[in-house]
Amino acid sequence: MEALTRVIGPLQRQHPVTTYLGGIHWTTTIHLPEGYQVQYLPPAQQLHNQAGSFTYALTQQEHSVTVHYTLQLQRVVYNPQQYPALRTLLKLDYAAQQSPIILVRQ
């Protein structure tokens, strides 16, 4: 993720951008500490554009939260004309992953 955040810096590029990435998919389960419950889960995010697609969704079970994440880029090298779509995709992706989960003690 750190490498991708370096890609989304400037508004425009004069040279191609290399992402070194094709796709990532992961699922993880967060087990809630004893005596805590979820007060807030970020909404699901999904975007598909000319650069690729990503989805980020959280589902709550009784004592856990499952996070599903997929990022699929259309290419490894993006020319300056393709860069705005890549930047839009990665900015929304990064913002979704930085959204907090709020827990409260019961």
N, C-alpha and C. Protein backbone atom coordinates (compact mmCIF):
# COMPACT_ATOMS: atom_id res chain seq x y z
N MET A 1 0.82 -1.19 0.00
CA MET A 1 0.00 0.00 0.00
C MET A 1 0.86 1.25 0.00
N GLU A 2 1.98 1.22 0.71
CA GLU A 2 2.86 2.38 0.77
C GLU A 2 3.36 2.77 -0.61
N ALA A 3 3.72 1.78 -1.43
CA ALA A 3 4.20 2.08 -2.78
C ALA A 3 3.11 2.74 -3.61
N LEU A 4 1.87 2.30 -3.43
CA LEU A 4 0.78 2.89 -4.20
C LEU A 4 0.47 4.31 -3.77
N THR A 5 0.64 4.62 -2.50
CA THR A 5 0.36 5.99 -2.05
C THR A 5 1.35 6.98 -2.65
N ARG A 6 2.54 6.54 -2.98
CA ARG A 6 3.50 7.43 -3.64
C ARG A 6 3.04 7.76 -5.06
N VAL A 7 2.28 6.88 -5.68
CA VAL A 7 1.79 7.09 -7.04
C VAL A 7 0.74 8.20 -7.08
N ILE A 8 -0.04 8.38 -6.01
CA ILE A 8 -1.19 9.28 -6.06
C ILE A 8 -0.87 10.71 -5.64
N GLY A 9 0.39 11.06 -5.56
CA GLY A 9 0.77 12.40 -5.12
C GLY A 9 0.32 13.53 -6.02
N PRO A 10 0.98 13.74 -7.15
CA PRO A 10 0.65 14.91 -7.98
C PRO A 10 -0.67 14.75 -8.73
N LEU A 11 -1.22 15.89 -9.14
CA LEU A 11 -2.46 15.86 -9.92
C LEU A 11 -2.24 15.38 -11.35
N GLN A 12 -1.07 15.63 -11.88
CA GLN A 12 -0.75 15.24 -13.26
C GLN A 12 0.64 14.63 -13.31
N ARG A 13 0.90 13.90 -14.36
CA ARG A 13 2.22 13.30 -14.59
C ARG A 13 2.66 13.65 -16.01
N GLN A 14 3.95 13.86 -16.17
CA GLN A 14 4.51 14.09 -17.50
C GLN A 14 5.16 12.83 -18.06
N HIS A 15 5.39 11.86 -17.19
CA HIS A 15 6.03 10.60 -17.58
C HIS A 15 5.16 9.44 -17.13
N PRO A 16 5.33 8.28 -17.73
CA PRO A 16 4.55 7.12 -17.31
C PRO A 16 4.77 6.78 -15.84
N VAL A 17 3.77 6.15 -15.24
CA VAL A 17 3.82 5.70 -13.86
C VAL A 17 3.85 4.17 -13.87
N THR A 18 4.78 3.61 -13.12
CA THR A 18 4.87 2.16 -12.99
C THR A 18 4.33 1.77 -11.62
N THR A 19 3.37 0.85 -11.60
CA THR A 19 2.76 0.46 -10.34
C THR A 19 3.35 -0.82 -9.76
N TYR A 20 3.98 -1.65 -10.57
CA TYR A 20 4.53 -2.93 -10.14
C TYR A 20 3.47 -3.84 -9.54
N LEU A 21 2.25 -3.72 -10.02
CA LEU A 21 1.17 -4.46 -9.38
C LEU A 21 0.12 -4.84 -10.39
N GLY A 22 -0.43 -6.02 -10.29
CA GLY A 22 -1.54 -6.43 -11.13
C GLY A 22 -2.81 -6.53 -10.31
N GLY A 23 -2.77 -7.30 -9.23
CA GLY A 23 -3.96 -7.44 -8.42
C GLY A 23 -3.66 -7.96 -7.04
N ILE A 24 -4.53 -7.60 -6.11
CA ILE A 24 -4.43 -8.05 -4.72
C ILE A 24 -5.83 -8.44 -4.28
N HIS A 25 -5.92 -9.53 -3.55
CA HIS A 25 -7.19 -9.92 -2.94
C HIS A 25 -6.86 -10.48 -1.57
N TRP A 26 -7.55 -9.98 -0.56
CA TRP A 26 -7.37 -10.54 0.78
C TRP A 26 -8.67 -10.42 1.57
N THR A 27 -8.78 -11.31 2.52
CA THR A 27 -9.88 -11.30 3.47
C THR A 27 -9.27 -11.54 4.84
N THR A 28 -9.72 -10.77 5.81
CA THR A 28 -9.23 -10.95 7.17
C THR A 28 -10.39 -10.82 8.15
N THR A 29 -10.26 -11.47 9.27
CA THR A 29 -11.28 -11.39 10.31
C THR A 29 -10.67 -10.74 11.54
N ILE A 30 -11.36 -9.74 12.03
CA ILE A 30 -10.96 -9.04 13.25
C ILE A 30 -11.84 -9.57 14.38
N HIS A 31 -11.24 -10.18 15.35
CA HIS A 31 -11.99 -10.71 16.49
C HIS A 31 -12.12 -9.61 17.54
N LEU A 32 -13.33 -9.32 17.96
CA LEU A 32 -13.57 -8.24 18.91
C LEU A 32 -13.15 -8.65 20.31
N PRO A 33 -12.54 -7.73 21.03
CA PRO A 33 -12.17 -8.03 22.42
C PRO A 33 -13.43 -8.31 23.25
N GLU A 34 -13.26 -9.12 24.25
CA GLU A 34 -14.37 -9.43 25.17
C GLU A 34 -14.96 -8.12 25.72
N GLY A 35 -16.29 -8.02 25.68
CA GLY A 35 -16.97 -6.86 26.23
C GLY A 35 -17.11 -5.69 25.28
N TYR A 36 -16.71 -5.85 24.01
CA TYR A 36 -16.82 -4.76 23.03
C TYR A 36 -17.80 -5.14 21.94
N GLN A 37 -18.42 -4.12 21.37
CA GLN A 37 -19.29 -4.32 20.21
C GLN A 37 -19.00 -3.21 19.21
N VAL A 38 -19.39 -3.45 17.97
CA VAL A 38 -19.18 -2.48 16.90
C VAL A 38 -20.23 -1.37 17.00
N GLN A 39 -19.76 -0.15 17.04
CA GLN A 39 -20.66 0.99 16.99
C GLN A 39 -20.77 1.52 15.57
N TYR A 40 -19.67 1.45 14.80
CA TYR A 40 -19.68 1.98 13.45
C TYR A 40 -18.75 1.18 12.56
N LEU A 41 -19.25 0.80 11.40
CA LEU A 41 -18.44 0.20 10.34
C LEU A 41 -18.48 1.14 9.14
N PRO A 42 -17.35 1.37 8.50
CA PRO A 42 -17.38 2.21 7.30
C PRO A 42 -18.24 1.55 6.22
N PRO A 43 -18.87 2.36 5.37
CA PRO A 43 -19.67 1.78 4.30
C PRO A 43 -18.79 1.07 3.27
N ALA A 44 -19.37 0.13 2.58
CA ALA A 44 -18.66 -0.56 1.51
C ALA A 44 -18.30 0.44 0.41
N GLN A 45 -17.16 0.22 -0.22
CA GLN A 45 -16.70 1.08 -1.31
C GLN A 45 -16.44 0.20 -2.52
N GLN A 46 -16.77 0.74 -3.68
CA GLN A 46 -16.51 0.01 -4.91
C GLN A 46 -16.34 1.02 -6.03
N LEU A 47 -15.33 0.80 -6.86
CA LEU A 47 -15.11 1.67 -8.01
C LEU A 47 -14.52 0.84 -9.13
N HIS A 48 -15.03 1.07 -10.32
CA HIS A 48 -14.47 0.47 -11.53
C HIS A 48 -14.31 1.61 -12.53
N ASN A 49 -13.08 1.83 -12.99
CA ASN A 49 -12.86 2.84 -14.02
C ASN A 49 -11.82 2.31 -15.02
N GLN A 50 -11.31 3.19 -15.86
CA GLN A 50 -10.37 2.77 -16.92
C GLN A 50 -9.04 2.25 -16.36
N ALA A 51 -8.71 2.59 -15.11
CA ALA A 51 -7.45 2.14 -14.52
C ALA A 51 -7.56 0.75 -13.90
N GLY A 52 -8.75 0.38 -13.45
CA GLY A 52 -8.95 -0.90 -12.79
C GLY A 52 -10.17 -0.87 -11.90
N SER A 53 -10.14 -1.65 -10.85
CA SER A 53 -11.28 -1.69 -9.94
C SER A 53 -10.82 -2.06 -8.54
N PHE A 54 -11.65 -1.68 -7.58
CA PHE A 54 -11.40 -2.11 -6.22
C PHE A 54 -12.72 -2.22 -5.48
N THR A 55 -12.74 -3.12 -4.51
CA THR A 55 -13.88 -3.25 -3.61
C THR A 55 -13.33 -3.40 -2.19
N TYR A 56 -14.09 -2.84 -1.27
CA TYR A 56 -13.72 -2.89 0.14
C TYR A 56 -15.03 -3.00 0.91
N ALA A 57 -15.22 -4.11 1.59
CA ALA A 57 -16.48 -4.32 2.30
C ALA A 57 -16.21 -4.98 3.65
N LEU A 58 -16.96 -4.52 4.64
CA LEU A 58 -16.84 -5.07 5.99
C LEU A 58 -18.19 -5.65 6.39
N THR A 59 -18.16 -6.84 6.96
CA THR A 59 -19.39 -7.45 7.45
C THR A 59 -19.20 -7.81 8.91
N GLN A 60 -20.25 -7.58 9.67
CA GLN A 60 -20.20 -7.81 11.11
C GLN A 60 -20.87 -9.12 11.46
N GLN A 61 -20.19 -9.93 12.26
CA GLN A 61 -20.77 -11.10 12.87
C GLN A 61 -20.92 -10.79 14.36
N GLU A 62 -21.29 -11.76 15.14
CA GLU A 62 -21.55 -11.51 16.56
C GLU A 62 -20.32 -10.98 17.31
N HIS A 63 -19.18 -11.63 17.12
CA HIS A 63 -17.98 -11.23 17.86
C HIS A 63 -16.79 -10.96 16.94
N SER A 64 -17.08 -10.60 15.69
CA SER A 64 -15.99 -10.34 14.76
C SER A 64 -16.48 -9.47 13.60
N VAL A 65 -15.50 -8.96 12.87
CA VAL A 65 -15.75 -8.19 11.65
C VAL A 65 -14.86 -8.80 10.58
N THR A 66 -15.45 -9.11 9.43
CA THR A 66 -14.69 -9.64 8.31
C THR A 66 -14.52 -8.56 7.26
N VAL A 67 -13.28 -8.40 6.81
CA VAL A 67 -12.95 -7.39 5.82
C VAL A 67 -12.57 -8.09 4.52
N HIS A 68 -13.23 -7.69 3.43
CA HIS A 68 -12.95 -8.23 2.09
C HIS A 68 -12.39 -7.09 1.25
N TYR A 69 -11.26 -7.34 0.61
CA TYR A 69 -10.59 -6.31 -0.18
C TYR A 69 -10.11 -6.91 -1.50
N THR A 70 -10.34 -6.19 -2.58
CA THR A 70 -9.82 -6.59 -3.89
C THR A 70 -9.39 -5.34 -4.64
N LEU A 71 -8.20 -5.37 -5.20
CA LEU A 71 -7.71 -4.32 -6.09
C LEU A 71 -7.19 -4.99 -7.34
N GLN A 72 -7.68 -4.57 -8.48
CA GLN A 72 -7.24 -5.12 -9.75
C GLN A 72 -6.90 -3.96 -10.67
N LEU A 73 -5.63 -3.84 -11.03
CA LEU A 73 -5.21 -2.79 -11.95
C LEU A 73 -5.18 -3.34 -13.37
N GLN A 74 -5.53 -2.51 -14.33
CA GLN A 74 -5.61 -2.93 -15.73
C GLN A 74 -4.23 -3.11 -16.37
N ARG A 75 -3.23 -2.40 -15.86
CA ARG A 75 -1.90 -2.47 -16.44
C ARG A 75 -0.85 -2.17 -15.37
N VAL A 76 0.38 -2.38 -15.69
CA VAL A 76 1.47 -2.08 -14.78
C VAL A 76 2.00 -0.66 -15.04
N VAL A 77 2.01 -0.24 -16.31
CA VAL A 77 2.50 1.08 -16.68
C VAL A 77 1.32 1.91 -17.18
N TYR A 78 1.16 3.10 -16.61
CA TYR A 78 0.10 4.04 -17.00
C TYR A 78 0.74 5.28 -17.60
N ASN A 79 0.31 5.66 -18.81
CA ASN A 79 0.85 6.87 -19.42
C ASN A 79 0.20 8.10 -18.78
N PRO A 80 0.73 9.28 -19.04
CA PRO A 80 0.19 10.49 -18.40
C PRO A 80 -1.31 10.71 -18.64
N GLN A 81 -1.83 10.30 -19.79
CA GLN A 81 -3.26 10.46 -20.06
C GLN A 81 -4.10 9.49 -19.23
N GLN A 82 -3.55 8.35 -18.88
CA GLN A 82 -4.26 7.36 -18.08
C GLN A 82 -4.13 7.62 -16.59
N TYR A 83 -3.20 8.46 -16.21
CA TYR A 83 -2.90 8.70 -14.80
C TYR A 83 -4.08 9.21 -13.98
N PRO A 84 -4.90 10.17 -14.47
CA PRO A 84 -6.02 10.65 -13.64
C PRO A 84 -6.95 9.53 -13.17
N ALA A 85 -7.22 8.55 -14.03
CA ALA A 85 -8.09 7.43 -13.62
C ALA A 85 -7.40 6.59 -12.55
N LEU A 86 -6.10 6.36 -12.70
CA LEU A 86 -5.35 5.61 -11.69
C LEU A 86 -5.35 6.35 -10.36
N ARG A 87 -5.12 7.64 -10.41
CA ARG A 87 -5.09 8.45 -9.19
C ARG A 87 -6.44 8.41 -8.48
N THR A 88 -7.52 8.55 -9.23
CA THR A 88 -8.87 8.50 -8.65
C THR A 88 -9.12 7.16 -7.98
N LEU A 89 -8.77 6.09 -8.66
CA LEU A 89 -8.95 4.74 -8.12
C LEU A 89 -8.17 4.55 -6.83
N LEU A 90 -6.90 4.92 -6.83
CA LEU A 90 -6.05 4.67 -5.67
C LEU A 90 -6.38 5.60 -4.51
N LYS A 91 -6.80 6.83 -4.79
CA LYS A 91 -7.19 7.73 -3.70
C LYS A 91 -8.42 7.21 -2.96
N LEU A 92 -9.42 6.73 -3.70
CA LEU A 92 -10.61 6.19 -3.06
C LEU A 92 -10.27 4.90 -2.31
N ASP A 93 -9.43 4.08 -2.90
CA ASP A 93 -8.97 2.86 -2.25
C ASP A 93 -8.27 3.19 -0.93
N TYR A 94 -7.33 4.11 -0.97
CA TYR A 94 -6.59 4.48 0.24
C TYR A 94 -7.53 5.06 1.30
N ALA A 95 -8.44 5.93 0.91
CA ALA A 95 -9.38 6.53 1.87
C ALA A 95 -10.24 5.46 2.51
N ALA A 96 -10.71 4.49 1.74
CA ALA A 96 -11.54 3.41 2.29
C ALA A 96 -10.76 2.62 3.33
N GLN A 97 -9.51 2.32 3.04
CA GLN A 97 -8.72 1.52 3.98
C GLN A 97 -8.33 2.29 5.24
N GLN A 98 -8.40 3.61 5.19
CA GLN A 98 -8.09 4.42 6.36
C GLN A 98 -9.32 4.72 7.22
N SER A 99 -10.50 4.29 6.76
CA SER A 99 -11.73 4.54 7.51
C SER A 99 -11.74 3.74 8.80
N PRO A 100 -12.09 4.39 9.91
CA PRO A 100 -12.03 3.69 11.19
C PRO A 100 -13.23 2.78 11.44
N ILE A 101 -12.97 1.75 12.21
CA ILE A 101 -14.02 0.93 12.79
C ILE A 101 -14.12 1.40 14.24
N ILE A 102 -15.31 1.75 14.68
CA ILE A 102 -15.47 2.25 16.05
C ILE A 102 -16.11 1.17 16.92
N LEU A 103 -15.42 0.86 18.00
CA LEU A 103 -15.91 -0.13 18.96
C LEU A 103 -16.31 0.60 20.25
N VAL A 104 -17.28 0.06 20.95
CA VAL A 104 -17.66 0.59 22.27
C VAL A 104 -17.69 -0.55 23.25
N ARG A 105 -17.42 -0.21 24.49
CA ARG A 105 -17.48 -1.20 25.56
C ARG A 105 -18.94 -1.38 25.94
N GLN A 106 -19.36 -2.60 26.11
CA GLN A 106 -20.76 -2.90 26.46
C GLN A 106 -21.02 -2.61 27.91
